[in-house]
Amino acid sequence: MRVLQKLVRCGNATHVSVPRPMLTWLGWLPGERVIVELLEDKTVRLRMPAPDEFAMRGLRPVALDDTMPAPK
């Protein structure tokens, strides 16, 4: 599906609307967060964030050492 949309000025931002049939086909709901990426070839990619993109970086899982004796 392809539609011609217009950029609309709203304060200091510029908006473009996504038609309802596109939202329905993608399974997106109004109010959900999306990631807008500007690519090197000057195209824009709009996508839903992956769950691992919000994980805290630098944390490692705890490894339990079972060689130590249990406390009495």
PDB file of N, CA and C in Angstrom:
ATOM      1  N   MET A   1       0.855  -1.180   0.000  1.00  0.00           N
ATOM      2  CA  MET A   1       0.000   0.000   0.000  1.00  0.00           C
ATOM      3  C   MET A   1       0.893   1.233   0.000  1.00  0.00           C
ATOM      4  N   ARG A   2       0.526   2.198  -0.761  1.00  0.00           N
ATOM      5  CA  ARG A   2       1.277   3.444  -0.839  1.00  0.00           C
ATOM      6  C   ARG A   2       0.284   4.599  -0.839  1.00  0.00           C
ATOM      7  N   VAL A   3       0.560   5.612  -0.028  1.00  0.00           N
ATOM      8  CA  VAL A   3      -0.286   6.808   0.016  1.00  0.00           C
ATOM      9  C   VAL A   3       0.610   8.042  -0.010  1.00  0.00           C
ATOM     10  N   LEU A   4       0.085   9.103  -0.542  1.00  0.00           N
ATOM     11  CA  LEU A   4       0.782  10.383  -0.536  1.00  0.00           C
ATOM     12  C   LEU A   4       0.266  11.184   0.646  1.00  0.00           C
ATOM     13  N   GLN A   5       1.146  11.487   1.578  1.00  0.00           N
ATOM     14  CA  GLN A   5       0.762  12.224   2.781  1.00  0.00           C
ATOM     15  C   GLN A   5       1.455  13.578   2.780  1.00  0.00           C
ATOM     16  N   LYS A   6       0.980  14.454   3.629  1.00  0.00           N
ATOM     17  CA  LYS A   6       1.503  15.811   3.725  1.00  0.00           C
ATOM     18  C   LYS A   6       2.157  15.992   5.089  1.00  0.00           C
ATOM     19  N   LEU A   7       3.319  16.651   5.115  1.00  0.00           N
ATOM     20  CA  LEU A   7       3.956  16.999   6.379  1.00  0.00           C
ATOM     21  C   LEU A   7       3.215  18.190   6.975  1.00  0.00           C
ATOM     22  N   VAL A   8       2.863  18.106   8.246  1.00  0.00           N
ATOM     23  CA  VAL A   8       2.071  19.143   8.904  1.00  0.00           C
ATOM     24  C   VAL A   8       2.865  19.699  10.081  1.00  0.00           C
ATOM     25  N   ARG A   9       2.977  20.996  10.130  1.00  0.00           N
ATOM     26  CA  ARG A   9       3.697  21.671  11.202  1.00  0.00           C
ATOM     27  C   ARG A   9       2.816  21.738  12.445  1.00  0.00           C
ATOM     28  N   CYS A  10       3.412  21.372  13.599  1.00  0.00           N
ATOM     29  CA  CYS A  10       2.682  21.406  14.870  1.00  0.00           C
ATOM     30  C   CYS A  10       3.659  21.876  15.944  1.00  0.00           C
ATOM     31  N   GLY A  11       3.698  23.185  16.195  1.00  0.00           N
ATOM     32  CA  GLY A  11       4.661  23.739  17.142  1.00  0.00           C
ATOM     33  C   GLY A  11       6.060  23.651  16.570  1.00  0.00           C
ATOM     34  N   ASN A  12       6.974  23.055  17.342  1.00  0.00           N
ATOM     35  CA  ASN A  12       8.352  22.893  16.877  1.00  0.00           C
ATOM     36  C   ASN A  12       8.580  21.562  16.178  1.00  0.00           C
ATOM     37  N   ALA A  13       7.550  20.770  16.010  1.00  0.00           N
ATOM     38  CA  ALA A  13       7.676  19.462  15.376  1.00  0.00           C
ATOM     39  C   ALA A  13       6.897  19.439  14.071  1.00  0.00           C
ATOM     40  N   THR A  14       7.182  18.446  13.259  1.00  0.00           N
ATOM     41  CA  THR A  14       6.448  18.219  12.023  1.00  0.00           C
ATOM     42  C   THR A  14       5.906  16.805  12.056  1.00  0.00           C
ATOM     43  N   HIS A  15       4.634  16.645  11.709  1.00  0.00           N
ATOM     44  CA  HIS A  15       3.952  15.356  11.809  1.00  0.00           C
ATOM     45  C   HIS A  15       3.552  14.848  10.429  1.00  0.00           C
ATOM     46  N   VAL A  16       3.425  13.536  10.353  1.00  0.00           N
ATOM     47  CA  VAL A  16       2.835  12.884   9.189  1.00  0.00           C
ATOM     48  C   VAL A  16       1.885  11.818   9.749  1.00  0.00           C
ATOM     49  N   SER A  17       0.727  11.682   9.165  1.00  0.00           N
ATOM     50  CA  SER A  17      -0.237  10.712   9.684  1.00  0.00           C
ATOM     51  C   SER A  17      -0.074   9.366   8.981  1.00  0.00           C
ATOM     52  N   VAL A  18      -0.388   8.304   9.718  1.00  0.00           N
ATOM     53  CA  VAL A  18      -0.380   6.948   9.167  1.00  0.00           C
ATOM     54  C   VAL A  18      -1.841   6.550   8.983  1.00  0.00           C
ATOM     55  N   PRO A  19      -2.251   6.225   7.767  1.00  0.00           N
ATOM     56  CA  PRO A  19      -3.658   5.892   7.533  1.00  0.00           C
ATOM     57  C   PRO A  19      -4.110   4.673   8.350  1.00  0.00           C
ATOM     58  N   ARG A  20      -5.361   4.689   8.735  1.00  0.00           N
ATOM     59  CA  ARG A  20      -5.930   3.626   9.558  1.00  0.00           C
ATOM     60  C   ARG A  20      -5.769   2.228   8.954  1.00  0.00           C
ATOM     61  N   PRO A  21      -5.968   2.034   7.637  1.00  0.00           N
ATOM     62  CA  PRO A  21      -5.759   0.683   7.100  1.00  0.00           C
ATOM     63  C   PRO A  21      -4.332   0.164   7.292  1.00  0.00           C
ATOM     64  N   MET A  22      -3.350   1.059   7.240  1.00  0.00           N
ATOM     65  CA  MET A  22      -1.970   0.646   7.482  1.00  0.00           C
ATOM     66  C   MET A  22      -1.781   0.241   8.942  1.00  0.00           C
ATOM     67  N   LEU A  23      -2.328   1.033   9.856  1.00  0.00           N
ATOM     68  CA  LEU A  23      -2.226   0.699  11.273  1.00  0.00           C
ATOM     69  C   LEU A  23      -2.878  -0.642  11.571  1.00  0.00           C
ATOM     70  N   THR A  24      -4.032  -0.876  10.981  1.00  0.00           N
ATOM     71  CA  THR A  24      -4.748  -2.134  11.205  1.00  0.00           C
ATOM     72  C   THR A  24      -3.939  -3.308  10.680  1.00  0.00           C
ATOM     73  N   TRP A  25      -3.381  -3.179   9.476  1.00  0.00           N
ATOM     74  CA  TRP A  25      -2.612  -4.266   8.884  1.00  0.00           C
ATOM     75  C   TRP A  25      -1.354  -4.571   9.698  1.00  0.00           C
ATOM     76  N   LEU A  26      -0.712  -3.512  10.242  1.00  0.00           N
ATOM     77  CA  LEU A  26       0.495  -3.693  11.051  1.00  0.00           C
ATOM     78  C   LEU A  26       0.183  -4.198  12.459  1.00  0.00           C
ATOM     79  N   GLY A  27      -1.066  -4.023  12.890  1.00  0.00           N
ATOM     80  CA  GLY A  27      -1.421  -4.399  14.256  1.00  0.00           C
ATOM     81  C   GLY A  27      -0.991  -3.366  15.275  1.00  0.00           C
ATOM     82  N   TRP A  28      -0.803  -2.124  14.839  1.00  0.00           N
ATOM     83  CA  TRP A  28      -0.395  -1.047  15.730  1.00  0.00           C
ATOM     84  C   TRP A  28      -1.633  -0.335  16.258  1.00  0.00           C
ATOM     85  N   LEU A  29      -1.513   0.227  17.451  1.00  0.00           N
ATOM     86  CA  LEU A  29      -2.603   0.979  18.061  1.00  0.00           C
ATOM     87  C   LEU A  29      -2.171   2.426  18.286  1.00  0.00           C
ATOM     88  N   PRO A  30      -3.094   3.363  18.176  1.00  0.00           N
ATOM     89  CA  PRO A  30      -2.746   4.756  18.480  1.00  0.00           C
ATOM     90  C   PRO A  30      -2.247   4.874  19.919  1.00  0.00           C
ATOM     91  N   GLY A  31      -1.193   5.651  20.115  1.00  0.00           N
ATOM     92  CA  GLY A  31      -0.623   5.841  21.442  1.00  0.00           C
ATOM     93  C   GLY A  31       0.577   4.948  21.722  1.00  0.00           C
ATOM     94  N   GLU A  32       0.796   3.918  20.890  1.00  0.00           N
ATOM     95  CA  GLU A  32       1.961   3.064  21.083  1.00  0.00           C
ATOM     96  C   GLU A  32       3.224   3.820  20.666  1.00  0.00           C
ATOM     97  N   ARG A  33       4.323   3.472  21.281  1.00  0.00           N
ATOM     98  CA  ARG A  33       5.600   4.109  20.948  1.00  0.00           C
ATOM     99  C   ARG A  33       6.222   3.424  19.734  1.00  0.00           C
ATOM    100  N   VAL A  34       6.860   4.215  18.891  1.00  0.00           N
ATOM    101  CA  VAL A  34       7.555   3.697  17.718  1.00  0.00           C
ATOM    102  C   VAL A  34       8.945   4.314  17.666  1.00  0.00           C
ATOM    103  N   ILE A  35       9.820   3.671  16.926  1.00  0.00           N
ATOM    104  CA  ILE A  35      11.168   4.195  16.708  1.00  0.00           C
ATOM    105  C   ILE A  35      11.227   4.723  15.279  1.00  0.00           C
ATOM    106  N   VAL A  36      11.701   5.948  15.138  1.00  0.00           N
ATOM    107  CA  VAL A  36      11.886   6.567  13.831  1.00  0.00           C
ATOM    108  C   VAL A  36      13.387   6.617  13.577  1.00  0.00           C
ATOM    109  N   GLU A  37      13.829   5.949  12.516  1.00  0.00           N
ATOM    110  CA  GLU A  37      15.249   5.884  12.186  1.00  0.00           C
ATOM    111  C   GLU A  37      15.512   6.600  10.867  1.00  0.00           C
ATOM    112  N   LEU A  38      16.539   7.427  10.857  1.00  0.00           N
ATOM    113  CA  LEU A  38      16.999   8.062   9.627  1.00  0.00           C
ATOM    114  C   LEU A  38      18.170   7.240   9.113  1.00  0.00           C
ATOM    115  N   LEU A  39      18.047   6.700   7.912  1.00  0.00           N
ATOM    116  CA  LEU A  39      19.073   5.829   7.348  1.00  0.00           C
ATOM    117  C   LEU A  39      20.050   6.615   6.477  1.00  0.00           C
ATOM    118  N   GLU A  40      21.183   5.995   6.161  1.00  0.00           N
ATOM    119  CA  GLU A  40      22.228   6.680   5.411  1.00  0.00           C
ATOM    120  C   GLU A  40      21.793   7.094   4.011  1.00  0.00           C
ATOM    121  N   ASP A  41      20.846   6.374   3.428  1.00  0.00           N
ATOM    122  CA  ASP A  41      20.388   6.724   2.079  1.00  0.00           C
ATOM    123  C   ASP A  41      19.262   7.761   2.105  1.00  0.00           C
ATOM    124  N   LYS A  42      19.132   8.464   3.234  1.00  0.00           N
ATOM    125  CA  LYS A  42      18.149   9.531   3.437  1.00  0.00           C
ATOM    126  C   LYS A  42      16.706   9.026   3.371  1.00  0.00           C
ATOM    127  N   THR A  43      16.486   7.789   3.795  1.00  0.00           N
ATOM    128  CA  THR A  43      15.134   7.266   3.951  1.00  0.00           C
ATOM    129  C   THR A  43      14.825   7.185   5.438  1.00  0.00           C
ATOM    130  N   VAL A  44      13.559   7.129   5.747  1.00  0.00           N
ATOM    131  CA  VAL A  44      13.100   7.057   7.131  1.00  0.00           C
ATOM    132  C   VAL A  44      12.453   5.703   7.352  1.00  0.00           C
ATOM    133  N   ARG A  45      12.822   5.040   8.427  1.00  0.00           N
ATOM    134  CA  ARG A  45      12.221   3.755   8.805  1.00  0.00           C
ATOM    135  C   ARG A  45      11.443   3.966  10.104  1.00  0.00           C
ATOM    136  N   LEU A  46      10.229   3.479  10.102  1.00  0.00           N
ATOM    137  CA  LEU A  46       9.341   3.566  11.258  1.00  0.00           C
ATOM    138  C   LEU A  46       9.068   2.140  11.716  1.00  0.00           C
ATOM    139  N   ARG A  47       9.389   1.813  12.989  1.00  0.00           N
ATOM    140  CA  ARG A  47       9.213   0.446  13.465  1.00  0.00           C
ATOM    141  C   ARG A  47       8.897   0.421  14.952  1.00  0.00           C
ATOM    142  N   MET A  48       8.364  -0.713  15.378  1.00  0.00           N
ATOM    143  CA  MET A  48       8.102  -0.917  16.797  1.00  0.00           C
ATOM    144  C   MET A  48       9.408  -1.294  17.477  1.00  0.00           C
ATOM    145  N   PRO A  49       9.627  -0.869  18.720  1.00  0.00           N
ATOM    146  CA  PRO A  49      10.857  -1.239  19.417  1.00  0.00           C
ATOM    147  C   PRO A  49      10.837  -2.710  19.836  1.00  0.00           C
ATOM    148  N   ALA A  50      11.999  -3.322  19.811  1.00  0.00           N
ATOM    149  CA  ALA A  50      12.142  -4.694  20.295  1.00  0.00           C
ATOM    150  C   ALA A  50      12.331  -4.663  21.812  1.00  0.00           C
ATOM    151  N   PRO A  51      11.874  -5.689  22.517  1.00  0.00           N
ATOM    152  CA  PRO A  51      11.994  -5.687  23.986  1.00  0.00           C
ATOM    153  C   PRO A  51      13.441  -5.583  24.475  1.00  0.00           C
ATOM    154  N   ASP A  52      14.406  -6.150  23.760  1.00  0.00           N
ATOM    155  CA  ASP A  52      15.791  -6.109  24.226  1.00  0.00           C
ATOM    156  C   ASP A  52      16.444  -4.741  24.041  1.00  0.00           C
ATOM    157  N   GLU A  53      15.799  -3.825  23.347  1.00  0.00           N
ATOM    158  CA  GLU A  53      16.370  -2.489  23.175  1.00  0.00           C
ATOM    159  C   GLU A  53      16.262  -1.645  24.438  1.00  0.00           C
ATOM    160  N   PHE A  54      15.455  -2.070  25.384  1.00  0.00           N
ATOM    161  CA  PHE A  54      15.277  -1.301  26.606  1.00  0.00           C
ATOM    162  C   PHE A  54      15.933  -1.961  27.806  1.00  0.00           C
ATOM    163  N   ALA A  55      16.649  -3.069  27.594  1.00  0.00           N
ATOM    164  CA  ALA A  55      17.335  -3.741  28.697  1.00  0.00           C
ATOM    165  C   ALA A  55      18.507  -2.876  29.154  1.00  0.00           C
ATOM    166  N   MET A  56      18.803  -2.911  30.430  1.00  0.00           N
ATOM    167  CA  MET A  56      19.929  -2.157  30.961  1.00  0.00           C
ATOM    168  C   MET A  56      21.218  -2.806  30.475  1.00  0.00           C
ATOM    169  N   ARG A  57      22.118  -2.016  29.954  1.00  0.00           N
ATOM    170  CA  ARG A  57      23.360  -2.543  29.410  1.00  0.00           C
ATOM    171  C   ARG A  57      24.406  -2.649  30.515  1.00  0.00           C
ATOM    172  N   GLY A  58      25.297  -3.606  30.356  1.00  0.00           N
ATOM    173  CA  GLY A  58      26.394  -3.754  31.307  1.00  0.00           C
ATOM    174  C   GLY A  58      26.096  -4.697  32.450  1.00  0.00           C
ATOM    175  N   LEU A  59      24.877  -5.147  32.591  1.00  0.00           N
ATOM    176  CA  LEU A  59      24.548  -6.078  33.664  1.00  0.00           C
ATOM    177  C   LEU A  59      24.709  -7.503  33.156  1.00  0.00           C
ATOM    178  N   ARG A  60      25.328  -8.329  33.967  1.00  0.00           N
ATOM    179  CA  ARG A  60      25.500  -9.731  33.605  1.00  0.00           C
ATOM    180  C   ARG A  60      24.656 -10.580  34.536  1.00  0.00           C
ATOM    181  N   PRO A  61      24.180 -11.722  34.070  1.00  0.00           N
ATOM    182  CA  PRO A  61      23.398 -12.584  34.949  1.00  0.00           C
ATOM    183  C   PRO A  61      24.264 -13.129  36.083  1.00  0.00           C
ATOM    184  N   VAL A  62      23.641 -13.335  37.217  1.00  0.00           N
ATOM    185  CA  VAL A  62      24.349 -13.849  38.387  1.00  0.00           C
ATOM    186  C   VAL A  62      24.538 -15.347  38.212  1.00  0.00           C
ATOM    187  N   ALA A  63      25.780 -15.802  38.395  1.00  0.00           N
ATOM    188  CA  ALA A  63      26.073 -17.229  38.340  1.00  0.00           C
ATOM    189  C   ALA A  63      26.248 -17.733  39.764  1.00  0.00           C
ATOM    190  N   LEU A  64      25.451 -18.688  40.154  1.00  0.00           N
ATOM    191  CA  LEU A  64      25.535 -19.231  41.498  1.00  0.00           C
ATOM    192  C   LEU A  64      26.637 -20.282  41.550  1.00  0.00           C
ATOM    193  N   ASP A  65      27.497 -20.206  42.586  1.00  0.00           N
ATOM    194  CA  ASP A  65      28.580 -21.162  42.767  1.00  0.00           C
ATOM    195  C   ASP A  65      28.111 -22.242  43.731  1.00  0.00           C
ATOM    196  N   ASP A  66      27.909 -23.444  43.221  1.00  0.00           N
ATOM    197  CA  ASP A  66      27.395 -24.519  44.070  1.00  0.00           C
ATOM    198  C   ASP A  66      28.513 -25.354  44.687  1.00  0.00           C
ATOM    199  N   THR A  67      29.778 -24.897  44.583  1.00  0.00           N
ATOM    200  CA  THR A  67      30.891 -25.643  45.197  1.00  0.00           C
ATOM    201  C   THR A  67      31.062 -25.276  46.663  1.00  0.00           C
ATOM    202  N   MET A  68      30.486 -24.198  47.105  1.00  0.00           N
ATOM    203  CA  MET A  68      30.611 -23.796  48.515  1.00  0.00           C
ATOM    204  C   MET A  68      29.667 -24.629  49.359  1.00  0.00           C
ATOM    205  N   PRO A  69      30.104 -24.983  50.580  1.00  0.00           N
ATOM    206  CA  PRO A  69      29.221 -25.765  51.449  1.00  0.00           C
ATOM    207  C   PRO A  69      28.021 -24.930  51.910  1.00  0.00           C
ATOM    208  N   ALA A  70      26.919 -25.606  52.135  1.00  0.00           N
ATOM    209  CA  ALA A  70      25.727 -24.932  52.619  1.00  0.00           C
ATOM    210  C   ALA A  70      25.909 -24.563  54.096  1.00  0.00           C
ATOM    211  N   PRO A  71      25.405 -23.390  54.519  1.00  0.00           N
ATOM    212  CA  PRO A  71      25.515 -23.003  55.940  1.00  0.00           C
ATOM    213  C   PRO A  71      24.672 -23.935  56.811  1.00  0.00           C
ATOM    214  N   LYS A  72      25.169 -24.155  58.070  1.00  0.00           N
ATOM    215  CA  LYS A  72      24.455 -25.050  58.997  1.00  0.00           C
ATOM    216  C   LYS A  72      23.541 -24.285  59.909  1.00  0.00           C
TER     217      LYS A  72
END
